[in-house]
PDB file of N, CA and C in Angstrom:
ATOM      1  N   MET A   1      -5.927  10.455  18.041  1.00  0.00           N
ATOM      2  CA  MET A   1      -7.150   9.978  17.488  1.00  0.00           C
ATOM      3  C   MET A   1      -7.901  11.180  16.878  1.00  0.00           C
ATOM      4  N   VAL A   2      -8.476  10.934  15.704  1.00  0.00           N
ATOM      5  CA  VAL A   2      -9.218  12.005  15.023  1.00  0.00           C
ATOM      6  C   VAL A   2     -10.578  11.442  14.582  1.00  0.00           C
ATOM      7  N   ARG A   3     -11.511  12.352  14.288  1.00  0.00           N
ATOM      8  CA  ARG A   3     -12.859  11.949  13.879  1.00  0.00           C
ATOM      9  C   ARG A   3     -12.916  11.705  12.372  1.00  0.00           C
ATOM     10  N   THR A   4     -12.121  12.438  11.591  1.00  0.00           N
ATOM     11  CA  THR A   4     -12.161  12.278  10.129  1.00  0.00           C
ATOM     12  C   THR A   4     -10.742  12.170   9.615  1.00  0.00           C
ATOM     13  N   ILE A   5     -10.603  11.586   8.467  1.00  0.00           N
ATOM     14  CA  ILE A   5      -9.257  11.486   7.850  1.00  0.00           C
ATOM     15  C   ILE A   5      -8.731  12.862   7.467  1.00  0.00           C
ATOM     16  N   GLU A   6      -9.604  13.787   7.168  1.00  0.00           N
ATOM     17  CA  GLU A   6      -9.176  15.132   6.799  1.00  0.00           C
ATOM     18  C   GLU A   6      -8.490  15.797   7.989  1.00  0.00           C
ATOM     19  N   GLU A   7      -8.969  15.533   9.210  1.00  0.00           N
ATOM     20  CA  GLU A   7      -8.358  16.091  10.425  1.00  0.00           C
ATOM     21  C   GLU A   7      -6.935  15.558  10.587  1.00  0.00           C
ATOM     22  N   ALA A   8      -6.697  14.344  10.154  1.00  0.00           N
ATOM     23  CA  ALA A   8      -5.423  13.689  10.347  1.00  0.00           C
ATOM     24  C   ALA A   8      -4.381  14.082   9.253  1.00  0.00           C
ATOM     25  N   ALA A   9      -4.863  14.651   8.173  1.00  0.00           N
ATOM     26  CA  ALA A   9      -3.948  14.880   7.008  1.00  0.00           C
ATOM     27  C   ALA A   9      -3.155  16.168   7.114  1.00  0.00           C
ATOM     28  N   ASP A  10      -2.994  16.720   8.310  1.00  0.00           N
ATOM     29  CA  ASP A  10      -2.297  17.969   8.481  1.00  0.00           C
ATOM     30  C   ASP A  10      -0.832  17.816   8.927  1.00  0.00           C
ATOM     31  N   ARG A  11      -0.352  16.577   9.016  1.00  0.00           N
ATOM     32  CA  ARG A  11       1.027  16.370   9.483  1.00  0.00           C
ATOM     33  C   ARG A  11       1.587  15.040   9.013  1.00  0.00           C
ATOM     34  N   HIS A  12       2.868  14.842   9.246  1.00  0.00           N
ATOM     35  CA  HIS A  12       3.540  13.566   8.869  1.00  0.00           C
ATOM     36  C   HIS A  12       3.380  12.555  10.004  1.00  0.00           C
ATOM     37  N   TYR A  13       3.260  11.283   9.630  1.00  0.00           N
ATOM     38  CA  TYR A  13       3.150  10.214  10.612  1.00  0.00           C
ATOM     39  C   TYR A  13       4.213   9.156  10.279  1.00  0.00           C
ATOM     40  N   SER A  14       4.783   8.576  11.297  1.00  0.00           N
ATOM     41  CA  SER A  14       5.661   7.417  11.140  1.00  0.00           C
ATOM     42  C   SER A  14       4.841   6.148  10.904  1.00  0.00           C
ATOM     43  N   TYR A  15       3.707   6.071  11.576  1.00  0.00           N
ATOM     44  CA  TYR A  15       2.789   4.920  11.461  1.00  0.00           C
ATOM     45  C   TYR A  15       1.377   5.425  11.313  1.00  0.00           C
ATOM     46  N   VAL A  16       0.611   4.725  10.473  1.00  0.00           N
ATOM     47  CA  VAL A  16      -0.819   4.949  10.373  1.00  0.00           C
ATOM     48  C   VAL A  16      -1.476   3.577  10.660  1.00  0.00           C
ATOM     49  N   ILE A  17      -2.267   3.524  11.721  1.00  0.00           N
ATOM     50  CA  ILE A  17      -2.910   2.269  12.090  1.00  0.00           C
ATOM     51  C   ILE A  17      -4.364   2.369  11.633  1.00  0.00           C
ATOM     52  N   CYS A  18      -4.784   1.439  10.787  1.00  0.00           N
ATOM     53  CA  CYS A  18      -6.111   1.392  10.252  1.00  0.00           C
ATOM     54  C   CYS A  18      -6.864   0.269  10.943  1.00  0.00           C
ATOM     55  N   ALA A  19      -7.783   0.613  11.834  1.00  0.00           N
ATOM     56  CA  ALA A  19      -8.569  -0.345  12.569  1.00  0.00           C
ATOM     57  C   ALA A  19     -10.061  -0.133  12.311  1.00  0.00           C
ATOM     58  N   PHE A  20     -10.492  -0.498  11.138  1.00  0.00           N
ATOM     59  CA  PHE A  20     -11.914  -0.320  10.793  1.00  0.00           C
ATOM     60  C   PHE A  20     -12.328  -1.464   9.905  1.00  0.00           C
ATOM     61  N   LYS A  21     -13.596  -1.715   9.810  1.00  0.00           N
ATOM     62  CA  LYS A  21     -14.143  -2.829   9.042  1.00  0.00           C
ATOM     63  C   LYS A  21     -13.997  -2.540   7.525  1.00  0.00           C
ATOM     64  N   VAL A  22     -13.545  -3.541   6.814  1.00  0.00           N
ATOM     65  CA  VAL A  22     -13.399  -3.387   5.358  1.00  0.00           C
ATOM     66  C   VAL A  22     -14.709  -3.810   4.693  1.00  0.00           C
ATOM     67  N   ILE A  23     -15.293  -2.879   3.960  1.00  0.00           N
ATOM     68  CA  ILE A  23     -16.500  -3.134   3.164  1.00  0.00           C
ATOM     69  C   ILE A  23     -16.252  -2.500   1.781  1.00  0.00           C
ATOM     70  N   PRO A  24     -15.488  -3.191   0.919  1.00  0.00           N
ATOM     71  CA  PRO A  24     -15.089  -2.601  -0.359  1.00  0.00           C
ATOM     72  C   PRO A  24     -16.269  -2.275  -1.267  1.00  0.00           C
ATOM     73  N   GLU A  25     -17.417  -2.894  -1.056  1.00  0.00           N
ATOM     74  CA  GLU A  25     -18.596  -2.547  -1.874  1.00  0.00           C
ATOM     75  C   GLU A  25     -19.105  -1.143  -1.538  1.00  0.00           C
ATOM     76  N   VAL A  26     -18.787  -0.657  -0.342  1.00  0.00           N
ATOM     77  CA  VAL A  26     -19.209   0.690   0.094  1.00  0.00           C
ATOM     78  C   VAL A  26     -18.144   1.712  -0.183  1.00  0.00           C
ATOM     79  N   ILE A  27     -16.934   1.436   0.322  1.00  0.00           N
ATOM     80  CA  ILE A  27     -15.766   2.309   0.076  1.00  0.00           C
ATOM     81  C   ILE A  27     -14.499   1.501   0.308  1.00  0.00           C
ATOM     82  N   THR A  28     -13.533   1.668  -0.571  1.00  0.00           N
ATOM     83  CA  THR A  28     -12.263   0.945  -0.466  1.00  0.00           C
ATOM     84  C   THR A  28     -11.364   1.661   0.525  1.00  0.00           C
ATOM     85  N   THR A  29     -10.394   0.928   1.049  1.00  0.00           N
ATOM     86  CA  THR A  29      -9.418   1.537   1.989  1.00  0.00           C
ATOM     87  C   THR A  29      -8.642   2.685   1.319  1.00  0.00           C
ATOM     88  N   PRO A  30      -8.200   2.546   0.091  1.00  0.00           N
ATOM     89  CA  PRO A  30      -7.470   3.718  -0.523  1.00  0.00           C
ATOM     90  C   PRO A  30      -8.383   4.928  -0.712  1.00  0.00           C
ATOM     91  N   ALA A  31      -9.645   4.699  -1.052  1.00  0.00           N
ATOM     92  CA  ALA A  31     -10.568   5.844  -1.194  1.00  0.00           C
ATOM     93  C   ALA A  31     -10.786   6.540   0.152  1.00  0.00           C
ATOM     94  N   LEU A  32     -10.907   5.747   1.197  1.00  0.00           N
ATOM     95  CA  LEU A  32     -11.121   6.304   2.515  1.00  0.00           C
ATOM     96  C   LEU A  32      -9.859   7.065   2.949  1.00  0.00           C
ATOM     97  N   LEU A  33      -8.684   6.601   2.651  1.00  0.00           N
ATOM     98  CA  LEU A  33      -7.442   7.209   3.087  1.00  0.00           C
ATOM     99  C   LEU A  33      -6.922   8.253   2.095  1.00  0.00           C
ATOM    100  N   ALA A  34      -7.646   8.560   1.047  1.00  0.00           N
ATOM    101  CA  ALA A  34      -7.182   9.459  -0.013  1.00  0.00           C
ATOM    102  C   ALA A  34      -6.568  10.753   0.480  1.00  0.00           C
ATOM    103  N   PRO A  35      -7.212  11.502   1.420  1.00  0.00           N
ATOM    104  CA  PRO A  35      -6.596  12.740   1.874  1.00  0.00           C
ATOM    105  C   PRO A  35      -5.221  12.522   2.557  1.00  0.00           C
ATOM    106  N   LEU A  36      -5.095  11.474   3.272  1.00  0.00           N
ATOM    107  CA  LEU A  36      -3.841  11.144   3.948  1.00  0.00           C
ATOM    108  C   LEU A  36      -2.816  10.639   2.962  1.00  0.00           C
ATOM    109  N   MET A  37      -3.247   9.853   1.988  1.00  0.00           N
ATOM    110  CA  MET A  37      -2.324   9.367   0.960  1.00  0.00           C
ATOM    111  C   MET A  37      -1.740  10.491   0.124  1.00  0.00           C
ATOM    112  N   ALA A  38      -2.531  11.509  -0.154  1.00  0.00           N
ATOM    113  CA  ALA A  38      -2.017  12.651  -0.886  1.00  0.00           C
ATOM    114  C   ALA A  38      -0.941  13.361  -0.082  1.00  0.00           C
ATOM    115  N   ARG A  39      -1.134  13.457   1.192  1.00  0.00           N
ATOM    116  CA  ARG A  39      -0.130  14.055   2.058  1.00  0.00           C
ATOM    117  C   ARG A  39       1.155  13.195   2.111  1.00  0.00           C
ATOM    118  N   LEU A  40       0.991  11.872   2.125  1.00  0.00           N
ATOM    119  CA  LEU A  40       2.153  10.999   2.157  1.00  0.00           C
ATOM    120  C   LEU A  40       2.978  11.087   0.875  1.00  0.00           C
ATOM    121  N   ASP A  41       2.283  11.289  -0.270  1.00  0.00           N
ATOM    122  CA  ASP A  41       2.943  11.403  -1.553  1.00  0.00           C
ATOM    123  C   ASP A  41       3.878  12.627  -1.552  1.00  0.00           C
ATOM    124  N   SER A  42       3.574  13.636  -0.799  1.00  0.00           N
ATOM    125  CA  SER A  42       4.384  14.857  -0.809  1.00  0.00           C
ATOM    126  C   SER A  42       5.396  14.878   0.379  1.00  0.00           C
ATOM    127  N   SER A  43       5.449  13.785   1.186  1.00  0.00           N
ATOM    128  CA  SER A  43       6.368  13.744   2.313  1.00  0.00           C
ATOM    129  C   SER A  43       7.778  13.471   1.849  1.00  0.00           C
ATOM    130  N   PRO A  44       8.756  13.911   2.576  1.00  0.00           N
ATOM    131  CA  PRO A  44      10.152  13.624   2.232  1.00  0.00           C
ATOM    132  C   PRO A  44      10.406  12.103   2.258  1.00  0.00           C
ATOM    133  N   GLN A  45      11.183  11.624   1.302  1.00  0.00           N
ATOM    134  CA  GLN A  45      11.447  10.184   1.207  1.00  0.00           C
ATOM    135  C   GLN A  45      12.266   9.670   2.396  1.00  0.00           C
ATOM    136  N   ASP A  46      12.953  10.526   3.111  1.00  0.00           N
ATOM    137  CA  ASP A  46      13.739  10.040   4.248  1.00  0.00           C
ATOM    138  C   ASP A  46      12.888   9.852   5.497  1.00  0.00           C
ATOM    139  N   GLN A  47      11.572  10.157   5.373  1.00  0.00           N
ATOM    140  CA  GLN A  47      10.644   9.969   6.500  1.00  0.00           C
ATOM    141  C   GLN A  47       9.476   9.073   6.047  1.00  0.00           C
ATOM    142  N   PRO A  48       9.725   7.788   5.825  1.00  0.00           N
ATOM    143  CA  PRO A  48       8.673   6.924   5.326  1.00  0.00           C
ATOM    144  C   PRO A  48       7.574   6.735   6.383  1.00  0.00           C
ATOM    145  N   THR A  49       6.416   6.377   5.900  1.00  0.00           N
ATOM    146  CA  THR A  49       5.256   6.073   6.782  1.00  0.00           C
ATOM    147  C   THR A  49       4.838   4.634   6.581  1.00  0.00           C
ATOM    148  N   ALA A  50       4.735   3.891   7.685  1.00  0.00           N
ATOM    149  CA  ALA A  50       4.271   2.504   7.624  1.00  0.00           C
ATOM    150  C   ALA A  50       2.742   2.529   7.882  1.00  0.00           C
ATOM    151  N   ILE A  51       2.021   1.840   7.000  1.00  0.00           N
ATOM    152  CA  ILE A  51       0.564   1.743   7.151  1.00  0.00           C
ATOM    153  C   ILE A  51       0.280   0.337   7.687  1.00  0.00           C
ATOM    154  N   VAL A  52      -0.312   0.285   8.892  1.00  0.00           N
ATOM    155  CA  VAL A  52      -0.594  -0.997   9.557  1.00  0.00           C
ATOM    156  C   VAL A  52      -2.100  -1.264   9.436  1.00  0.00           C
ATOM    157  N   LEU A  53      -2.423  -2.403   8.853  1.00  0.00           N
ATOM    158  CA  LEU A  53      -3.863  -2.729   8.618  1.00  0.00           C
ATOM    159  C   LEU A  53      -4.284  -3.738   9.679  1.00  0.00           C
ATOM    160  N   LEU A  54      -5.214  -3.326  10.541  1.00  0.00           N
ATOM    161  CA  LEU A  54      -5.847  -4.215  11.533  1.00  0.00           C
ATOM    162  C   LEU A  54      -7.302  -4.362  11.087  1.00  0.00           C
ATOM    163  N   GLN A  55      -7.502  -5.151  10.032  1.00  0.00           N
ATOM    164  CA  GLN A  55      -8.814  -5.190   9.437  1.00  0.00           C
ATOM    165  C   GLN A  55      -9.156  -6.653   9.132  1.00  0.00           C
ATOM    166  N   ASN A  56     -10.417  -6.905   8.896  1.00  0.00           N
ATOM    167  CA  ASN A  56     -10.891  -8.221   8.538  1.00  0.00           C
ATOM    168  C   ASN A  56     -10.696  -8.510   7.055  1.00  0.00           C
ATOM    169  N   GLY A  57     -10.606  -9.771   6.705  1.00  0.00           N
ATOM    170  CA  GLY A  57     -10.586 -10.144   5.291  1.00  0.00           C
ATOM    171  C   GLY A  57      -9.264 -10.696   4.788  1.00  0.00           C
ATOM    172  N   ILE A  58      -9.337 -11.257   3.637  1.00  0.00           N
ATOM    173  CA  ILE A  58      -8.191 -11.842   2.953  1.00  0.00           C
ATOM    174  C   ILE A  58      -7.829 -10.958   1.791  1.00  0.00           C
ATOM    175  N   GLY A  59      -6.580 -10.586   1.659  1.00  0.00           N
ATOM    176  CA  GLY A  59      -6.128  -9.705   0.558  1.00  0.00           C
ATOM    177  C   GLY A  59      -6.524  -8.261   0.739  1.00  0.00           C
ATOM    178  N   ILE A  60      -6.742  -7.854   1.984  1.00  0.00           N
ATOM    179  CA  ILE A  60      -7.163  -6.482   2.233  1.00  0.00           C
ATOM    180  C   ILE A  60      -6.138  -5.446   1.859  1.00  0.00           C
ATOM    181  N   GLN A  61      -4.866  -5.885   1.761  1.00  0.00           N
ATOM    182  CA  GLN A  61      -3.785  -4.961   1.452  1.00  0.00           C
ATOM    183  C   GLN A  61      -3.658  -4.701  -0.042  1.00  0.00           C
ATOM    184  N   ASP A  62      -4.301  -5.504  -0.867  1.00  0.00           N
ATOM    185  CA  ASP A  62      -4.104  -5.436  -2.338  1.00  0.00           C
ATOM    186  C   ASP A  62      -4.495  -4.043  -2.903  1.00  0.00           C
ATOM    187  N   ASP A  63      -5.640  -3.519  -2.531  1.00  0.00           N
ATOM    188  CA  ASP A  63      -6.084  -2.216  -3.041  1.00  0.00           C
ATOM    189  C   ASP A  63      -5.114  -1.115  -2.574  1.00  0.00           C
ATOM    190  N   LEU A  64      -4.667  -1.196  -1.346  1.00  0.00           N
ATOM    191  CA  LEU A  64      -3.797  -0.172  -0.832  1.00  0.00           C
ATOM    192  C   LEU A  64      -2.399  -0.244  -1.486  1.00  0.00           C
ATOM    193  N   GLN A  65      -1.904  -1.439  -1.705  1.00  0.00           N
ATOM    194  CA  GLN A  65      -0.617  -1.570  -2.427  1.00  0.00           C
ATOM    195  C   GLN A  65      -0.694  -1.023  -3.843  1.00  0.00           C
ATOM    196  N   ALA A  66      -1.812  -1.200  -4.483  1.00  0.00           N
ATOM    197  CA  ALA A  66      -1.945  -0.731  -5.864  1.00  0.00           C
ATOM    198  C   ALA A  66      -2.105   0.833  -5.948  1.00  0.00           C
ATOM    199  N   ALA A  67      -2.555   1.435  -4.845  1.00  0.00           N
ATOM    200  CA  ALA A  67      -2.806   2.878  -4.854  1.00  0.00           C
ATOM    201  C   ALA A  67      -1.552   3.702  -4.875  1.00  0.00           C
TER     202      ALA A  67
END
């Protein structure tokens, strides 16, 4: 468990569990996860990361899939 996403972006993860309230008018999930997503883009392809969304709402995965 970390306090900020920047703290978490220093290593590879097999799973990322997102358990926070979705308020896209304030900040989108991809914007919130941007430091971690940049790290995932540079990860080896043989070590994929699953992002698990435990959030409220319908279609909450759409923004993240597009990112």
